[in-house]
C-alpha cells in the first residue's frame, strides 16, 4: 500500500490517540474518525507502519503497562488489570500468561528484588 505523508500523519495521530489512554476501548471506526482517515487505510497502514494490527497493538500496550505496574508498584492484581484496560482480572491473567509465559502473580514474585 502506498501511503502519502498525510496518511502517515493520520495513522500516527491514531496511534497517539490509542496510547493516550489504553484503558478505554475505542472502536476502529472511532479511531479512524478521530484520525481523519478511512478504516481500510487505517488498518492496513497501521500494520505497515508499526508491524501490528490495531487490536494487537492495543493488546500489547495494555500488557506492557500491566508488566510495568507489576514490576514497579505494589498495586493489587485487580487494580493493575483495571489500570491496564481489562474489565476482569481473569482476562488480564489469561492474556498476560499467554504473552509472557507465566501468570502475573508468578511474574511479580520473580521480578521482586531478593
N, C-alpha and C. Protein backbone atom coordinates (compact mmCIF):
# COMPACT_ATOMS: atom_id res chain seq x y z
N UNK A 1 0.85 -1.18 0.00
CA UNK A 1 0.00 0.00 0.00
C UNK A 1 0.89 1.24 0.00
N UNK A 2 0.50 2.17 -0.80
CA UNK A 2 1.24 3.42 -0.88
C UNK A 2 0.58 4.44 0.06
N UNK A 3 1.35 4.93 1.00
CA UNK A 3 0.84 5.89 1.98
C UNK A 3 1.41 7.27 1.70
N UNK A 4 0.54 8.24 1.66
CA UNK A 4 1.00 9.62 1.50
C UNK A 4 1.49 10.14 2.85
N UNK A 5 2.14 11.28 2.85
CA UNK A 5 2.58 11.86 4.12
C UNK A 5 1.37 12.22 4.98
N UNK A 6 0.27 12.59 4.36
CA UNK A 6 -0.96 12.86 5.11
C UNK A 6 -1.47 11.59 5.78
N UNK A 7 -1.46 10.46 5.03
CA UNK A 7 -1.91 9.18 5.60
C UNK A 7 -1.06 8.81 6.81
N UNK A 8 0.24 8.97 6.67
CA UNK A 8 1.16 8.64 7.76
C UNK A 8 0.88 9.52 8.98
N UNK A 9 0.63 10.79 8.73
CA UNK A 9 0.30 11.72 9.81
C UNK A 9 -0.99 11.28 10.52
N UNK A 10 -1.99 10.87 9.74
CA UNK A 10 -3.26 10.41 10.31
C UNK A 10 -3.08 9.13 11.13
N UNK A 11 -2.28 8.21 10.61
CA UNK A 11 -2.04 6.95 11.30
C UNK A 11 -1.26 7.19 12.60
N UNK A 12 -0.32 8.11 12.56
CA UNK A 12 0.41 8.47 13.78
C UNK A 12 -0.54 9.10 14.79
N UNK A 13 -1.47 9.91 14.30
CA UNK A 13 -2.48 10.52 15.17
C UNK A 13 -3.33 9.43 15.83
N UNK A 14 -3.68 8.40 15.06
CA UNK A 14 -4.46 7.28 15.59
C UNK A 14 -3.66 6.56 16.69
N UNK A 15 -2.38 6.32 16.45
CA UNK A 15 -1.52 5.66 17.44
C UNK A 15 -1.45 6.49 18.71
N UNK A 16 -1.27 7.79 18.57
CA UNK A 16 -1.20 8.67 19.74
C UNK A 16 -2.51 8.65 20.52
N UNK A 17 -3.62 8.58 19.80
CA UNK A 17 -4.95 8.51 20.42
C UNK A 17 -5.07 7.23 21.24
N UNK A 18 -4.63 6.11 20.69
CA UNK A 18 -4.66 4.83 21.41
C UNK A 18 -3.75 4.90 22.63
N UNK A 19 -2.55 5.42 22.44
CA UNK A 19 -1.56 5.48 23.52
C UNK A 19 -1.99 6.41 24.66
N UNK A 20 -2.82 7.39 24.36
CA UNK A 20 -3.20 8.38 25.37
C UNK A 20 -4.00 7.76 26.52
N UNK A 21 -4.72 6.68 26.26
CA UNK A 21 -5.48 6.01 27.33
C UNK A 21 -5.79 4.59 26.90
N UNK A 22 -4.92 3.67 27.25
CA UNK A 22 -5.11 2.27 26.84
C UNK A 22 -6.26 1.60 27.59
N UNK A 23 -6.77 2.23 28.63
CA UNK A 23 -7.88 1.63 29.37
C UNK A 23 -9.19 1.71 28.60
N UNK A 24 -9.31 2.69 27.73
CA UNK A 24 -10.56 2.89 27.00
C UNK A 24 -10.62 2.00 25.77
N UNK A 25 -11.77 1.39 25.56
CA UNK A 25 -11.98 0.50 24.42
C UNK A 25 -12.62 1.28 23.27
N UNK A 26 -11.79 1.83 22.40
CA UNK A 26 -12.28 2.56 21.24
C UNK A 26 -12.55 1.57 20.11
N UNK A 27 -13.59 1.82 19.36
CA UNK A 27 -13.83 1.00 18.16
C UNK A 27 -12.91 1.52 17.05
N UNK A 28 -12.68 0.68 16.07
CA UNK A 28 -11.83 1.10 14.95
C UNK A 28 -12.46 2.29 14.24
N UNK A 29 -13.77 2.30 14.14
CA UNK A 29 -14.41 3.44 13.47
C UNK A 29 -14.22 4.73 14.27
N UNK A 30 -14.23 4.67 15.60
CA UNK A 30 -13.96 5.85 16.42
C UNK A 30 -12.53 6.35 16.20
N UNK A 31 -11.60 5.42 16.17
CA UNK A 31 -10.20 5.79 15.97
C UNK A 31 -10.01 6.43 14.60
N UNK A 32 -10.60 5.82 13.58
CA UNK A 32 -10.49 6.35 12.22
C UNK A 32 -11.10 7.75 12.13
N UNK A 33 -12.25 7.94 12.74
CA UNK A 33 -12.91 9.24 12.72
C UNK A 33 -12.03 10.29 13.42
N UNK A 34 -11.46 9.92 14.56
CA UNK A 34 -10.59 10.84 15.29
C UNK A 34 -9.37 11.23 14.45
N UNK A 35 -8.83 10.25 13.72
CA UNK A 35 -7.60 10.46 12.96
C UNK A 35 -7.83 10.99 11.55
N UNK A 36 -9.08 11.17 11.16
CA UNK A 36 -9.42 11.69 9.83
C UNK A 36 -8.91 10.79 8.70
N UNK A 37 -9.16 9.48 8.83
CA UNK A 37 -8.72 8.53 7.82
C UNK A 37 -9.78 7.43 7.71
N UNK A 38 -9.90 6.82 6.53
CA UNK A 38 -10.90 5.76 6.42
C UNK A 38 -10.37 4.48 7.08
N UNK A 39 -11.30 3.63 7.46
CA UNK A 39 -10.99 2.43 8.24
C UNK A 39 -10.03 1.51 7.51
N UNK A 40 -10.26 1.26 6.25
CA UNK A 40 -9.42 0.34 5.47
C UNK A 40 -7.98 0.83 5.43
N UNK A 41 -7.80 2.10 5.15
CA UNK A 41 -6.45 2.66 5.07
C UNK A 41 -5.80 2.68 6.45
N UNK A 42 -6.58 2.97 7.48
CA UNK A 42 -6.05 2.97 8.84
C UNK A 42 -5.53 1.58 9.21
N UNK A 43 -6.34 0.57 9.00
CA UNK A 43 -5.95 -0.79 9.39
C UNK A 43 -4.71 -1.26 8.63
N UNK A 44 -4.72 -1.10 7.33
CA UNK A 44 -3.59 -1.55 6.51
C UNK A 44 -2.34 -0.71 6.78
N UNK A 45 -2.52 0.59 6.87
CA UNK A 45 -1.39 1.49 7.09
C UNK A 45 -0.78 1.33 8.47
N UNK A 46 -1.61 1.10 9.47
CA UNK A 46 -1.11 0.91 10.83
C UNK A 46 -0.22 -0.33 10.88
N UNK A 47 -0.70 -1.39 10.28
CA UNK A 47 0.09 -2.64 10.27
C UNK A 47 1.40 -2.43 9.50
N UNK A 48 1.33 -1.71 8.41
CA UNK A 48 2.53 -1.45 7.61
C UNK A 48 3.55 -0.61 8.39
N UNK A 49 3.07 0.42 9.06
CA UNK A 49 3.98 1.32 9.78
C UNK A 49 4.51 0.75 11.09
N UNK A 50 3.66 0.02 11.81
CA UNK A 50 4.03 -0.39 13.16
C UNK A 50 4.19 -1.90 13.32
N UNK A 51 3.91 -2.67 12.28
CA UNK A 51 4.14 -4.10 12.32
C UNK A 51 3.11 -4.92 13.07
N UNK A 52 2.08 -4.26 13.59
CA UNK A 52 0.99 -4.94 14.29
C UNK A 52 -0.33 -4.33 13.85
N UNK A 53 -1.37 -5.15 13.83
CA UNK A 53 -2.70 -4.62 13.59
C UNK A 53 -3.14 -3.79 14.79
N UNK A 54 -4.17 -3.00 14.62
CA UNK A 54 -4.66 -2.13 15.70
C UNK A 54 -4.99 -2.90 16.96
N UNK A 55 -5.73 -3.98 16.83
CA UNK A 55 -6.14 -4.76 18.00
C UNK A 55 -4.92 -5.33 18.73
N UNK A 56 -4.00 -5.90 17.97
CA UNK A 56 -2.81 -6.49 18.59
C UNK A 56 -1.92 -5.41 19.22
N UNK A 57 -1.85 -4.26 18.59
CA UNK A 57 -1.07 -3.16 19.16
C UNK A 57 -1.65 -2.74 20.51
N UNK A 58 -2.96 -2.55 20.55
CA UNK A 58 -3.60 -2.14 21.79
C UNK A 58 -3.41 -3.20 22.87
N UNK A 59 -3.59 -4.46 22.52
CA UNK A 59 -3.41 -5.55 23.49
C UNK A 59 -1.98 -5.55 24.03
N UNK A 60 -0.99 -5.36 23.15
CA UNK A 60 0.41 -5.34 23.58
C UNK A 60 0.68 -4.15 24.49
N UNK A 61 0.12 -2.99 24.18
CA UNK A 61 0.32 -1.81 25.02
C UNK A 61 -0.26 -2.04 26.42
N UNK A 62 -1.43 -2.66 26.47
CA UNK A 62 -2.06 -2.94 27.77
C UNK A 62 -1.22 -3.91 28.59
N UNK A 63 -0.72 -4.94 27.94
CA UNK A 63 0.08 -5.94 28.66
C UNK A 63 1.42 -5.36 29.12
N UNK A 64 2.02 -4.50 28.29
CA UNK A 64 3.27 -3.86 28.70
C UNK A 64 3.04 -2.94 29.91
N UNK A 65 1.90 -2.26 29.92
CA UNK A 65 1.56 -1.41 31.06
C UNK A 65 1.39 -2.27 32.30
N UNK A 66 0.68 -3.38 32.17
CA UNK A 66 0.49 -4.29 33.29
C UNK A 66 1.81 -4.83 33.81
N UNK A 67 2.68 -5.20 32.90
CA UNK A 67 4.02 -5.70 33.27
C UNK A 67 4.78 -4.64 34.06
N UNK A 68 4.76 -3.42 33.56
CA UNK A 68 5.43 -2.31 34.24
C UNK A 68 4.88 -2.13 35.66
N UNK A 69 3.55 -2.14 35.78
CA UNK A 69 2.93 -1.94 37.09
C UNK A 69 3.26 -3.09 38.05
N UNK A 70 3.34 -4.31 37.53
CA UNK A 70 3.73 -5.45 38.36
C UNK A 70 5.15 -5.29 38.89
N UNK A 71 6.02 -4.80 38.04
CA UNK A 71 7.43 -4.65 38.39
C UNK A 71 7.70 -3.45 39.31
N UNK A 72 6.87 -2.42 39.20
CA UNK A 72 7.21 -1.14 39.83
C UNK A 72 6.23 -0.61 40.87
N UNK A 73 5.17 -1.34 41.13
CA UNK A 73 4.21 -0.87 42.13
C UNK A 73 3.80 -2.04 43.03
N UNK A 74 3.16 -1.71 44.10
CA UNK A 74 2.60 -2.73 44.99
C UNK A 74 1.10 -2.87 44.82
N UNK A 75 0.58 -2.36 43.72
CA UNK A 75 -0.86 -2.42 43.48
C UNK A 75 -1.32 -3.87 43.36
N UNK A 76 -2.57 -4.11 43.71
CA UNK A 76 -3.13 -5.46 43.62
C UNK A 76 -3.31 -5.85 42.15
N UNK A 77 -3.45 -7.14 41.90
CA UNK A 77 -3.68 -7.60 40.52
C UNK A 77 -4.98 -7.03 39.97
N UNK A 78 -5.98 -6.90 40.82
CA UNK A 78 -7.25 -6.31 40.38
C UNK A 78 -7.04 -4.86 39.93
N UNK A 79 -6.30 -4.09 40.71
CA UNK A 79 -6.02 -2.70 40.34
C UNK A 79 -5.22 -2.63 39.05
N UNK A 80 -4.21 -3.47 38.94
CA UNK A 80 -3.36 -3.47 37.75
C UNK A 80 -4.15 -3.86 36.52
N UNK A 81 -4.99 -4.88 36.64
CA UNK A 81 -5.78 -5.29 35.47
C UNK A 81 -6.70 -4.15 35.03
N UNK A 82 -7.30 -3.46 35.98
CA UNK A 82 -8.18 -2.33 35.63
C UNK A 82 -7.38 -1.18 35.00
N UNK A 83 -6.25 -0.85 35.59
CA UNK A 83 -5.41 0.23 35.05
C UNK A 83 -4.85 -0.11 33.67
N UNK A 84 -4.77 -1.39 33.38
CA UNK A 84 -4.26 -1.84 32.07
C UNK A 84 -5.36 -1.96 31.03
N UNK A 85 -6.59 -1.69 31.42
CA UNK A 85 -7.68 -1.70 30.45
C UNK A 85 -8.51 -2.95 30.42
N UNK A 86 -8.36 -3.80 31.41
CA UNK A 86 -9.15 -5.04 31.47
C UNK A 86 -10.28 -4.87 32.47
N UNK A 87 -11.49 -5.26 32.07
CA UNK A 87 -12.63 -5.18 32.96
C UNK A 87 -12.61 -6.30 34.00
N UNK A 88 -11.98 -7.41 33.65
CA UNK A 88 -11.96 -8.57 34.53
C UNK A 88 -10.52 -9.05 34.72
N UNK A 89 -10.16 -9.26 35.98
CA UNK A 89 -8.81 -9.70 36.32
C UNK A 89 -8.48 -11.02 35.64
N UNK A 90 -9.46 -11.92 35.53
CA UNK A 90 -9.20 -13.22 34.91
C UNK A 90 -8.79 -13.05 33.44
N UNK A 91 -9.35 -12.08 32.74
CA UNK A 91 -8.96 -11.83 31.34
C UNK A 91 -7.52 -11.30 31.27
N UNK A 92 -7.17 -10.43 32.20
CA UNK A 92 -5.79 -9.93 32.27
C UNK A 92 -4.84 -11.09 32.54
N UNK A 93 -5.18 -11.93 33.53
CA UNK A 93 -4.33 -13.07 33.87
C UNK A 93 -4.10 -13.98 32.67
N UNK A 94 -5.16 -14.29 31.95
CA UNK A 94 -5.06 -15.17 30.79
C UNK A 94 -4.19 -14.55 29.70
N UNK A 95 -4.44 -13.29 29.39
CA UNK A 95 -3.67 -12.61 28.34
C UNK A 95 -2.20 -12.47 28.74
N UNK A 96 -1.97 -12.14 30.01
CA UNK A 96 -0.60 -11.96 30.49
C UNK A 96 0.17 -13.28 30.40
N UNK A 97 -0.45 -14.35 30.84
CA UNK A 97 0.21 -15.66 30.80
C UNK A 97 0.50 -16.08 29.36
N UNK A 98 -0.43 -15.82 28.48
CA UNK A 98 -0.23 -16.17 27.07
C UNK A 98 0.94 -15.38 26.48
N UNK A 99 1.06 -14.11 26.84
CA UNK A 99 2.10 -13.24 26.27
C UNK A 99 3.46 -13.46 26.91
N UNK A 100 3.50 -13.62 28.25
CA UNK A 100 4.78 -13.66 28.96
C UNK A 100 5.14 -15.04 29.53
N UNK A 101 4.25 -16.02 29.35
CA UNK A 101 4.58 -17.39 29.73
C UNK A 101 4.35 -17.76 31.18
N UNK A 102 3.87 -16.83 31.97
CA UNK A 102 3.55 -17.13 33.37
C UNK A 102 2.49 -16.16 33.85
N UNK A 103 1.70 -16.56 34.84
CA UNK A 103 0.67 -15.66 35.35
C UNK A 103 1.29 -14.44 36.02
N UNK A 104 0.53 -13.36 36.10
CA UNK A 104 1.07 -12.12 36.67
C UNK A 104 1.61 -12.27 38.09
N UNK A 105 0.94 -13.05 38.93
CA UNK A 105 1.41 -13.23 40.31
C UNK A 105 2.79 -13.87 40.35
N UNK A 106 3.00 -14.88 39.54
CA UNK A 106 4.31 -15.54 39.47
C UNK A 106 5.35 -14.60 38.88
N UNK A 107 4.96 -13.87 37.86
CA UNK A 107 5.88 -12.92 37.24
C UNK A 107 6.35 -11.89 38.27
N UNK A 108 5.41 -11.38 39.06
CA UNK A 108 5.76 -10.37 40.08
C UNK A 108 6.73 -10.94 41.11
N UNK A 109 6.47 -12.16 41.57
CA UNK A 109 7.36 -12.78 42.56
C UNK A 109 8.78 -12.92 42.03
N UNK A 110 8.90 -13.31 40.77
CA UNK A 110 10.22 -13.47 40.16
C UNK A 110 10.90 -12.13 39.90
N UNK A 111 10.11 -11.08 39.70
CA UNK A 111 10.67 -9.77 39.39
C UNK A 111 11.07 -9.01 40.66
N UNK A 112 10.61 -9.46 41.82
CA UNK A 112 10.94 -8.78 43.07
C UNK A 112 12.43 -8.90 43.37
N UNK A 113 13.04 -7.82 43.84
CA UNK A 113 14.45 -7.89 44.23
C UNK A 113 14.61 -8.81 45.45
N UNK A 114 15.65 -9.58 45.46
CA UNK A 114 15.88 -10.52 46.56
C UNK A 114 16.85 -9.98 47.56
